Amino acid sequence: LAWSYEQILVLDPPTNLKFKDPFKDVVTTNPKLRNASDRKACFKVKTTTPYQSFVSPNSGIIDPGSAVIIIVISINRRPESFIHNNCCPKNQDVVG
């Protein structure tokens, strides 16, 4: 029994995400995810650096022949700094 696989989702760019300068605080890139099949396809994007990378939308369903633009945001600073600056009240320190 021979199996044949067709590529359902096509990512552009296909291998590496490119972020443009300056790399100070926040940089973004916008890869395109296209459904190359004749049926609906679902996707989920996961990150290995959850405090430094954000993806939107991180999951969804793409109609046949359609595409979605993904927004990838990379925050180039320590996770402790991000948590302190964005999640805590102004006069409260992070205890850890």
PDB file of N, CA and C in Angstrom:
ATOM      1  N   LEU A   1       0.849  -1.176   0.000  1.00  0.00           N
ATOM      2  CA  LEU A   1       0.000   0.000   0.000  1.00  0.00           C
ATOM      3  C   LEU A   1       0.891   1.234   0.000  1.00  0.00           C
ATOM      4  N   ALA A   2       0.745   2.060  -0.987  1.00  0.00           N
ATOM      5  CA  ALA A   2       1.572   3.270  -1.097  1.00  0.00           C
ATOM      6  C   ALA A   2       0.781   4.470  -0.600  1.00  0.00           C
ATOM      7  N   TRP A   3       1.429   5.266   0.221  1.00  0.00           N
ATOM      8  CA  TRP A   3       0.815   6.490   0.732  1.00  0.00           C
ATOM      9  C   TRP A   3       1.317   7.666  -0.076  1.00  0.00           C
ATOM     10  N   SER A   4       0.442   8.570  -0.348  1.00  0.00           N
ATOM     11  CA  SER A   4       0.889   9.813  -0.973  1.00  0.00           C
ATOM     12  C   SER A   4       0.391  10.967  -0.113  1.00  0.00           C
ATOM     13  N   TYR A   5       1.263  11.916   0.076  1.00  0.00           N
ATOM     14  CA  TYR A   5       0.936  13.068   0.902  1.00  0.00           C
ATOM     15  C   TYR A   5       0.943  14.316   0.046  1.00  0.00           C
ATOM     16  N   GLU A   6      -0.083  15.115   0.182  1.00  0.00           N
ATOM     17  CA  GLU A   6      -0.092  16.407  -0.494  1.00  0.00           C
ATOM     18  C   GLU A   6       0.100  17.476   0.577  1.00  0.00           C
ATOM     19  N   GLN A   7       0.792  18.514   0.218  1.00  0.00           N
ATOM     20  CA  GLN A   7       0.989  19.605   1.156  1.00  0.00           C
ATOM     21  C   GLN A   7      -0.300  20.414   1.225  1.00  0.00           C
ATOM     22  N   ILE A   8      -0.836  20.520   2.421  1.00  0.00           N
ATOM     23  CA  ILE A   8      -2.107  21.219   2.604  1.00  0.00           C
ATOM     24  C   ILE A   8      -1.876  22.697   2.877  1.00  0.00           C
ATOM     25  N   LEU A   9      -0.993  22.999   3.826  1.00  0.00           N
ATOM     26  CA  LEU A   9      -0.704  24.386   4.185  1.00  0.00           C
ATOM     27  C   LEU A   9       0.667  24.788   3.667  1.00  0.00           C
ATOM     28  N   VAL A  10       0.743  25.954   3.066  1.00  0.00           N
ATOM     29  CA  VAL A  10       1.996  26.458   2.509  1.00  0.00           C
ATOM     30  C   VAL A  10       2.338  27.753   3.239  1.00  0.00           C
ATOM     31  N   LEU A  11       3.540  27.798   3.814  1.00  0.00           N
ATOM     32  CA  LEU A  11       4.008  28.974   4.544  1.00  0.00           C
ATOM     33  C   LEU A  11       4.923  29.797   3.654  1.00  0.00           C
ATOM     34  N   ASP A  12       4.719  31.104   3.641  1.00  0.00           N
ATOM     35  CA  ASP A  12       5.567  32.001   2.856  1.00  0.00           C
ATOM     36  C   ASP A  12       6.047  33.130   3.762  1.00  0.00           C
ATOM     37  N   PRO A  13       7.323  33.188   4.092  1.00  0.00           N
ATOM     38  CA  PRO A  13       8.442  32.417   3.562  1.00  0.00           C
ATOM     39  C   PRO A  13       8.447  30.982   4.106  1.00  0.00           C
ATOM     40  N   PRO A  14       8.975  30.049   3.321  1.00  0.00           N
ATOM     41  CA  PRO A  14       8.853  28.631   3.653  1.00  0.00           C
ATOM     42  C   PRO A  14       9.716  28.128   4.805  1.00  0.00           C
ATOM     43  N   THR A  15      10.847  28.783   5.104  1.00  0.00           N
ATOM     44  CA  THR A  15      11.734  28.215   6.121  1.00  0.00           C
ATOM     45  C   THR A  15      12.029  29.143   7.292  1.00  0.00           C
ATOM     46  N   ASN A  16      12.463  30.352   7.037  1.00  0.00           N
ATOM     47  CA  ASN A  16      12.895  31.255   8.108  1.00  0.00           C
ATOM     48  C   ASN A  16      12.072  32.531   8.124  1.00  0.00           C
ATOM     49  N   LEU A  17      11.738  32.976   9.322  1.00  0.00           N
ATOM     50  CA  LEU A  17      11.075  34.269   9.459  1.00  0.00           C
ATOM     51  C   LEU A  17      12.141  35.348   9.538  1.00  0.00           C
ATOM     52  N   LYS A  18      11.955  36.416   8.798  1.00  0.00           N
ATOM     53  CA  LYS A  18      12.924  37.516   8.772  1.00  0.00           C
ATOM     54  C   LYS A  18      12.346  38.702   9.535  1.00  0.00           C
ATOM     55  N   PHE A  19      13.125  39.194  10.503  1.00  0.00           N
ATOM     56  CA  PHE A  19      12.762  40.392  11.243  1.00  0.00           C
ATOM     57  C   PHE A  19      13.667  41.518  10.781  1.00  0.00           C
ATOM     58  N   LYS A  20      13.094  42.710  10.580  1.00  0.00           N
ATOM     59  CA  LYS A  20      13.863  43.853  10.095  1.00  0.00           C
ATOM     60  C   LYS A  20      14.350  44.711  11.253  1.00  0.00           C
ATOM     61  N   ASP A  21      15.500  45.383  11.044  1.00  0.00           N
ATOM     62  CA  ASP A  21      16.045  46.312  12.037  1.00  0.00           C
ATOM     63  C   ASP A  21      15.077  47.462  12.246  1.00  0.00           C
ATOM     64  N   PRO A  22      15.144  48.184  13.328  1.00  0.00           N
ATOM     65  CA  PRO A  22      16.064  48.032  14.454  1.00  0.00           C
ATOM     66  C   PRO A  22      15.552  46.986  15.441  1.00  0.00           C
ATOM     67  N   PHE A  23      16.468  46.313  16.098  1.00  0.00           N
ATOM     68  CA  PHE A  23      16.131  45.270  17.058  1.00  0.00           C
ATOM     69  C   PHE A  23      16.179  45.822  18.480  1.00  0.00           C
ATOM     70  N   LYS A  24      15.518  46.934  18.730  1.00  0.00           N
ATOM     71  CA  LYS A  24      15.590  47.557  20.050  1.00  0.00           C
ATOM     72  C   LYS A  24      14.600  46.923  21.018  1.00  0.00           C
ATOM     73  N   ASP A  25      13.336  47.158  20.842  1.00  0.00           N
ATOM     74  CA  ASP A  25      12.347  46.629  21.773  1.00  0.00           C
ATOM     75  C   ASP A  25      11.434  45.591  21.129  1.00  0.00           C
ATOM     76  N   VAL A  26      10.725  45.988  20.100  1.00  0.00           N
ATOM     77  CA  VAL A  26       9.731  45.113  19.482  1.00  0.00           C
ATOM     78  C   VAL A  26       9.946  45.090  17.975  1.00  0.00           C
ATOM     79  N   VAL A  27       9.968  43.890  17.400  1.00  0.00           N
ATOM     80  CA  VAL A  27      10.051  43.746  15.946  1.00  0.00           C
ATOM     81  C   VAL A  27       8.940  42.795  15.509  1.00  0.00           C
ATOM     82  N   THR A  28       8.470  42.991  14.290  1.00  0.00           N
ATOM     83  CA  THR A  28       7.391  42.143  13.783  1.00  0.00           C
ATOM     84  C   THR A  28       7.725  41.616  12.394  1.00  0.00           C
ATOM     85  N   THR A  29       7.067  40.535  12.037  1.00  0.00           N
ATOM     86  CA  THR A  29       7.118  39.997  10.686  1.00  0.00           C
ATOM     87  C   THR A  29       5.743  39.417  10.369  1.00  0.00           C
ATOM     88  N   ASN A  30       5.442  39.287   9.095  1.00  0.00           N
ATOM     89  CA  ASN A  30       4.101  38.872   8.682  1.00  0.00           C
ATOM     90  C   ASN A  30       4.134  37.761   7.641  1.00  0.00           C
ATOM     91  N   PRO A  31       4.376  36.519   8.073  1.00  0.00           N
ATOM     92  CA  PRO A  31       4.315  35.416   7.111  1.00  0.00           C
ATOM     93  C   PRO A  31       2.874  35.141   6.681  1.00  0.00           C
ATOM     94  N   LYS A  32       2.738  34.541   5.511  1.00  0.00           N
ATOM     95  CA  LYS A  32       1.417  34.194   4.979  1.00  0.00           C
ATOM     96  C   LYS A  32       1.265  32.678   5.013  1.00  0.00           C
ATOM     97  N   LEU A  33       0.124  32.205   5.486  1.00  0.00           N
ATOM     98  CA  LEU A  33      -0.192  30.785   5.528  1.00  0.00           C
ATOM     99  C   LEU A  33      -1.355  30.545   4.570  1.00  0.00           C
ATOM    100  N   ARG A  34      -1.109  29.715   3.539  1.00  0.00           N
ATOM    101  CA  ARG A  34      -2.097  29.497   2.478  1.00  0.00           C
ATOM    102  C   ARG A  34      -2.569  28.050   2.484  1.00  0.00           C
ATOM    103  N   ASN A  35      -3.855  27.855   2.301  1.00  0.00           N
ATOM    104  CA  ASN A  35      -4.440  26.526   2.194  1.00  0.00           C
ATOM    105  C   ASN A  35      -4.415  26.116   0.725  1.00  0.00           C
ATOM    106  N   ALA A  36      -3.552  25.164   0.378  1.00  0.00           N
ATOM    107  CA  ALA A  36      -3.388  24.729  -1.006  1.00  0.00           C
ATOM    108  C   ALA A  36      -4.313  23.563  -1.367  1.00  0.00           C
ATOM    109  N   SER A  37      -5.160  23.155  -0.440  1.00  0.00           N
ATOM    110  CA  SER A  37      -6.031  22.008  -0.712  1.00  0.00           C
ATOM    111  C   SER A  37      -7.418  22.461  -1.176  1.00  0.00           C
ATOM    112  N   ASP A  38      -8.260  21.474  -1.451  1.00  0.00           N
ATOM    113  CA  ASP A  38      -9.629  21.786  -1.863  1.00  0.00           C
ATOM    114  C   ASP A  38     -10.627  21.599  -0.719  1.00  0.00           C
ATOM    115  N   ARG A  39     -10.089  21.491   0.515  1.00  0.00           N
ATOM    116  CA  ARG A  39     -10.930  21.372   1.709  1.00  0.00           C
ATOM    117  C   ARG A  39     -10.462  22.373   2.758  1.00  0.00           C
ATOM    118  N   LYS A  40     -11.296  22.643   3.734  1.00  0.00           N
ATOM    119  CA  LYS A  40     -10.896  23.531   4.825  1.00  0.00           C
ATOM    120  C   LYS A  40      -9.733  22.910   5.589  1.00  0.00           C
ATOM    121  N   ALA A  41      -8.855  23.756   6.116  1.00  0.00           N
ATOM    122  CA  ALA A  41      -7.708  23.278   6.884  1.00  0.00           C
ATOM    123  C   ALA A  41      -7.592  24.109   8.155  1.00  0.00           C
ATOM    124  N   CYS A  42      -7.223  23.458   9.242  1.00  0.00           N
ATOM    125  CA  CYS A  42      -7.025  24.192  10.488  1.00  0.00           C
ATOM    126  C   CYS A  42      -5.529  24.285  10.774  1.00  0.00           C
ATOM    127  N   PHE A  43      -5.159  25.292  11.573  1.00  0.00           N
ATOM    128  CA  PHE A  43      -3.756  25.479  11.934  1.00  0.00           C
ATOM    129  C   PHE A  43      -3.659  25.935  13.380  1.00  0.00           C
ATOM    130  N   LYS A  44      -2.496  25.701  13.981  1.00  0.00           N
ATOM    131  CA  LYS A  44      -2.156  26.191  15.320  1.00  0.00           C
ATOM    132  C   LYS A  44      -0.677  26.503  15.311  1.00  0.00           C
ATOM    133  N   VAL A  45      -0.327  27.690  15.794  1.00  0.00           N
ATOM    134  CA  VAL A  45       1.069  28.119  15.859  1.00  0.00           C
ATOM    135  C   VAL A  45       1.474  28.156  17.323  1.00  0.00           C
ATOM    136  N   LYS A  46       2.605  27.533  17.640  1.00  0.00           N
ATOM    137  CA  LYS A  46       3.120  27.546  19.006  1.00  0.00           C
ATOM    138  C   LYS A  46       4.493  28.202  19.009  1.00  0.00           C
ATOM    139  N   THR A  47       4.849  28.798  20.133  1.00  0.00           N
ATOM    140  CA  THR A  47       6.153  29.425  20.269  1.00  0.00           C
ATOM    141  C   THR A  47       6.943  28.748  21.381  1.00  0.00           C
ATOM    142  N   THR A  48       8.254  28.734  21.239  1.00  0.00           N
ATOM    143  CA  THR A  48       9.116  28.180  22.282  1.00  0.00           C
ATOM    144  C   THR A  48       9.586  29.264  23.243  1.00  0.00           C
ATOM    145  N   THR A  49       9.229  30.513  22.965  1.00  0.00           N
ATOM    146  CA  THR A  49       9.598  31.636  23.837  1.00  0.00           C
ATOM    147  C   THR A  49       8.343  32.448  24.155  1.00  0.00           C
ATOM    148  N   PRO A  50       7.473  31.935  25.039  1.00  0.00           N
ATOM    149  CA  PRO A  50       6.171  32.570  25.251  1.00  0.00           C
ATOM    150  C   PRO A  50       6.210  33.978  25.832  1.00  0.00           C
ATOM    151  N   TYR A  51       7.270  34.358  26.536  1.00  0.00           N
ATOM    152  CA  TYR A  51       7.340  35.710  27.092  1.00  0.00           C
ATOM    153  C   TYR A  51       7.998  36.696  26.137  1.00  0.00           C
ATOM    154  N   GLN A  52       8.525  36.202  25.029  1.00  0.00           N
ATOM    155  CA  GLN A  52       9.217  37.072  24.083  1.00  0.00           C
ATOM    156  C   GLN A  52       8.604  37.051  22.690  1.00  0.00           C
ATOM    157  N   SER A  53       7.743  36.106  22.407  1.00  0.00           N
ATOM    158  CA  SER A  53       7.142  36.002  21.075  1.00  0.00           C
ATOM    159  C   SER A  53       5.634  35.873  21.190  1.00  0.00           C
ATOM    160  N   PHE A  54       4.936  36.587  20.328  1.00  0.00           N
ATOM    161  CA  PHE A  54       3.481  36.535  20.296  1.00  0.00           C
ATOM    162  C   PHE A  54       3.039  36.320  18.854  1.00  0.00           C
ATOM    163  N   VAL A  55       2.006  35.515  18.682  1.00  0.00           N
ATOM    164  CA  VAL A  55       1.512  35.175  17.353  1.00  0.00           C
ATOM    165  C   VAL A  55       0.007  35.446  17.309  1.00  0.00           C
ATOM    166  N   SER A  56      -0.439  36.122  16.252  1.00  0.00           N
ATOM    167  CA  SER A  56      -1.861  36.407  16.100  1.00  0.00           C
ATOM    168  C   SER A  56      -2.242  36.361  14.619  1.00  0.00           C
ATOM    169  N   PRO A  57      -3.220  35.582  14.241  1.00  0.00           N
ATOM    170  CA  PRO A  57      -3.933  34.618  15.068  1.00  0.00           C
ATOM    171  C   PRO A  57      -3.047  33.406  15.318  1.00  0.00           C
ATOM    172  N   ASN A  58      -3.206  32.785  16.482  1.00  0.00           N
ATOM    173  CA  ASN A  58      -2.373  31.617  16.772  1.00  0.00           C
ATOM    174  C   ASN A  58      -3.062  30.312  16.380  1.00  0.00           C
ATOM    175  N   SER A  59      -4.313  30.389  15.963  1.00  0.00           N
ATOM    176  CA  SER A  59      -5.015  29.207  15.452  1.00  0.00           C
ATOM    177  C   SER A  59      -6.195  29.674  14.606  1.00  0.00           C
ATOM    178  N   GLY A  60      -6.689  28.762  13.787  1.00  0.00           N
ATOM    179  CA  GLY A  60      -7.831  29.131  12.964  1.00  0.00           C
ATOM    180  C   GLY A  60      -8.122  28.104  11.892  1.00  0.00           C
ATOM    181  N   ILE A  61      -9.084  28.429  11.073  1.00  0.00           N
ATOM    182  CA  ILE A  61      -9.488  27.588   9.946  1.00  0.00           C
ATOM    183  C   ILE A  61      -9.363  28.423   8.683  1.00  0.00           C
ATOM    184  N   ILE A  62      -8.744  27.836   7.659  1.00  0.00           N
ATOM    185  CA  ILE A  62      -8.541  28.531   6.388  1.00  0.00           C
ATOM    186  C   ILE A  62      -9.351  27.815   5.313  1.00  0.00           C
ATOM    187  N   ASP A  63     -10.163  28.570   4.604  1.00  0.00           N
ATOM    188  CA  ASP A  63     -10.967  28.010   3.514  1.00  0.00           C
ATOM    189  C   ASP A  63     -10.071  27.557   2.359  1.00  0.00           C
ATOM    190  N   PRO A  64     -10.562  26.646   1.510  1.00  0.00           N
ATOM    191  CA  PRO A  64      -9.777  26.177   0.366  1.00  0.00           C
ATOM    192  C   PRO A  64      -9.333  27.339  -0.521  1.00  0.00           C
ATOM    193  N   GLY A  65      -8.055  27.348  -0.875  1.00  0.00           N
ATOM    194  CA  GLY A  65      -7.507  28.377  -1.747  1.00  0.00           C
ATOM    195  C   GLY A  65      -7.302  29.731  -1.096  1.00  0.00           C
ATOM    196  N   SER A  66      -7.654  29.868   0.168  1.00  0.00           N
ATOM    197  CA  SER A  66      -7.509  31.145   0.874  1.00  0.00           C
ATOM    198  C   SER A  66      -6.208  31.183   1.662  1.00  0.00           C
ATOM    199  N   ALA A  67      -5.909  32.361   2.199  1.00  0.00           N
ATOM    200  CA  ALA A  67      -4.691  32.545   2.983  1.00  0.00           C
ATOM    201  C   ALA A  67      -4.989  33.448   4.166  1.00  0.00           C
ATOM    202  N   VAL A  68      -4.128  33.382   5.149  1.00  0.00           N
ATOM    203  CA  VAL A  68      -4.212  34.261   6.309  1.00  0.00           C
ATOM    204  C   VAL A  68      -2.819  34.840   6.556  1.00  0.00           C
ATOM    205  N   ILE A  69      -2.776  36.114   6.905  1.00  0.00           N
ATOM    206  CA  ILE A  69      -1.516  36.754   7.269  1.00  0.00           C
ATOM    207  C   ILE A  69      -1.355  36.604   8.774  1.00  0.00           C
ATOM    208  N   ILE A  70      -0.231  36.061   9.192  1.00  0.00           N
ATOM    209  CA  ILE A  70       0.074  35.864  10.604  1.00  0.00           C
ATOM    210  C   ILE A  70       0.945  37.033  11.069  1.00  0.00           C
ATOM    211  N   ILE A  71       0.659  37.561  12.237  1.00  0.00           N
ATOM    212  CA  ILE A  71       1.494  38.606  12.826  1.00  0.00           C
ATOM    213  C   ILE A  71       2.355  37.955  13.899  1.00  0.00           C
ATOM    214  N   VAL A  72       3.670  38.034  13.733  1.00  0.00           N
ATOM    215  CA  VAL A  72       4.604  37.497  14.714  1.00  0.00           C
ATOM    216  C   VAL A  72       5.348  38.675  15.319  1.00  0.00           C
ATOM    217  N   ILE A  73       5.247  38.814  16.634  1.00  0.00           N
ATOM    218  CA  ILE A  73       5.892  39.909  17.349  1.00  0.00           C
ATOM    219  C   ILE A  73       6.952  39.316  18.259  1.00  0.00           C
ATOM    220  N   SER A  74       8.159  39.854  18.190  1.00  0.00           N
ATOM    221  CA  SER A  74       9.255  39.419  19.045  1.00  0.00           C
ATOM    222  C   SER A  74       9.677  40.585  19.923  1.00  0.00           C
ATOM    223  N   ILE A  75       9.673  40.354  21.225  1.00  0.00           N
ATOM    224  CA  ILE A  75      10.095  41.379  22.179  1.00  0.00           C
ATOM    225  C   ILE A  75      11.499  41.022  22.623  1.00  0.00           C
ATOM    226  N   ASN A  76      12.446  41.878  22.315  1.00  0.00           N
ATOM    227  CA  ASN A  76      13.856  41.592  22.580  1.00  0.00           C
ATOM    228  C   ASN A  76      14.299  42.154  23.921  1.00  0.00           C
ATOM    229  N   ARG A  77      13.788  41.563  24.973  1.00  0.00           N
ATOM    230  CA  ARG A  77      14.237  41.908  26.315  1.00  0.00           C
ATOM    231  C   ARG A  77      13.959  40.731  27.228  1.00  0.00           C
ATOM    232  N   ARG A  78      14.486  40.809  28.442  1.00  0.00           N
ATOM    233  CA  ARG A  78      14.337  39.705  29.384  1.00  0.00           C
ATOM    234  C   ARG A  78      12.868  39.526  29.775  1.00  0.00           C
ATOM    235  N   PRO A  79      12.421  38.282  29.963  1.00  0.00           N
ATOM    236  CA  PRO A  79      11.034  38.046  30.361  1.00  0.00           C
ATOM    237  C   PRO A  79      10.658  38.765  31.655  1.00  0.00           C
ATOM    238  N   GLU A  80      11.590  38.866  32.624  1.00  0.00           N
ATOM    239  CA  GLU A  80      11.291  39.520  33.896  1.00  0.00           C
ATOM    240  C   GLU A  80      10.915  40.981  33.663  1.00  0.00           C
ATOM    241  N   SER A  81      11.610  41.625  32.741  1.00  0.00           N
ATOM    242  CA  SER A  81      11.338  43.026  32.429  1.00  0.00           C
ATOM    243  C   SER A  81       9.953  43.169  31.812  1.00  0.00           C
ATOM    244  N   PHE A  82       9.612  42.260  30.905  1.00  0.00           N
ATOM    245  CA  PHE A  82       8.301  42.330  30.265  1.00  0.00           C
ATOM    246  C   PHE A  82       7.191  42.120  31.289  1.00  0.00           C
ATOM    247  N   ILE A  83       7.339  41.121  32.153  1.00  0.00           N
ATOM    248  CA  ILE A  83       6.317  40.844  33.157  1.00  0.00           C
ATOM    249  C   ILE A  83       6.155  42.045  34.080  1.00  0.00           C
ATOM    250  N   HIS A  84       7.263  42.602  34.541  1.00  0.00           N
ATOM    251  CA  HIS A  84       7.205  43.727  35.474  1.00  0.00           C
ATOM    252  C   HIS A  84       6.581  44.955  34.822  1.00  0.00           C
ATOM    253  N   ASN A  85       6.972  45.277  33.622  1.00  0.00           N
ATOM    254  CA  ASN A  85       6.496  46.502  32.979  1.00  0.00           C
ATOM    255  C   ASN A  85       5.056  46.424  32.497  1.00  0.00           C
ATOM    256  N   ASN A  86       4.559  45.244  32.211  1.00  0.00           N
ATOM    257  CA  ASN A  86       3.248  45.146  31.585  1.00  0.00           C
ATOM    258  C   ASN A  86       2.175  44.457  32.419  1.00  0.00           C
ATOM    259  N   CYS A  87       2.553  43.744  33.464  1.00  0.00           N
ATOM    260  CA  CYS A  87       1.562  42.963  34.188  1.00  0.00           C
ATOM    261  C   CYS A  87       1.330  43.423  35.624  1.00  0.00           C
ATOM    262  N   CYS A  88       2.235  44.182  36.179  1.00  0.00           N
ATOM    263  CA  CYS A  88       2.116  44.577  37.575  1.00  0.00           C
ATOM    264  C   CYS A  88       1.650  46.017  37.695  1.00  0.00           C
ATOM    265  N   PRO A  89       0.915  46.342  38.767  1.00  0.00           N
ATOM    266  CA  PRO A  89       0.573  47.743  39.016  1.00  0.00           C
ATOM    267  C   PRO A  89       1.831  48.591  39.151  1.00  0.00           C
ATOM    268  N   LYS A  90       1.715  49.878  38.889  1.00  0.00           N
ATOM    269  CA  LYS A  90       2.872  50.779  38.834  1.00  0.00           C
ATOM    270  C   LYS A  90       3.732  50.753  40.091  1.00  0.00           C
ATOM    271  N   ASN A  91       3.151  50.668  41.273  1.00  0.00           N
ATOM    272  CA  ASN A  91       3.920  50.761  42.516  1.00  0.00           C
ATOM    273  C   ASN A  91       4.161  49.406  43.164  1.00  0.00           C
ATOM    274  N   GLN A  92       4.075  48.346  42.404  1.00  0.00           N
ATOM    275  CA  GLN A  92       4.256  47.010  42.958  1.00  0.00           C
ATOM    276  C   GLN A  92       5.444  46.346  42.286  1.00  0.00           C
ATOM    277  N   ASP A  93       6.310  45.710  43.095  1.00  0.00           N
ATOM    278  CA  ASP A  93       7.468  45.002  42.565  1.00  0.00           C
ATOM    279  C   ASP A  93       7.122  43.536  42.354  1.00  0.00           C
ATOM    280  N   VAL A  94       7.871  42.906  41.454  1.00  0.00           N
ATOM    281  CA  VAL A  94       7.718  41.474  41.227  1.00  0.00           C
ATOM    282  C   VAL A  94       8.505  40.751  42.302  1.00  0.00           C
ATOM    283  N   VAL A  95       7.874  39.845  43.009  1.00  0.00           N
ATOM    284  CA  VAL A  95       8.540  39.052  44.040  1.00  0.00           C
ATOM    285  C   VAL A  95       8.732  37.666  43.467  1.00  0.00           C
ATOM    286  N   GLY A  96       9.969  37.179  43.517  1.00  0.00           N
ATOM    287  CA  GLY A  96      10.167  35.880  42.901  1.00  0.00           C
ATOM    288  C   GLY A  96      11.222  35.100  43.454  1.00  0.00           C
TER     289      GLY A  96
END
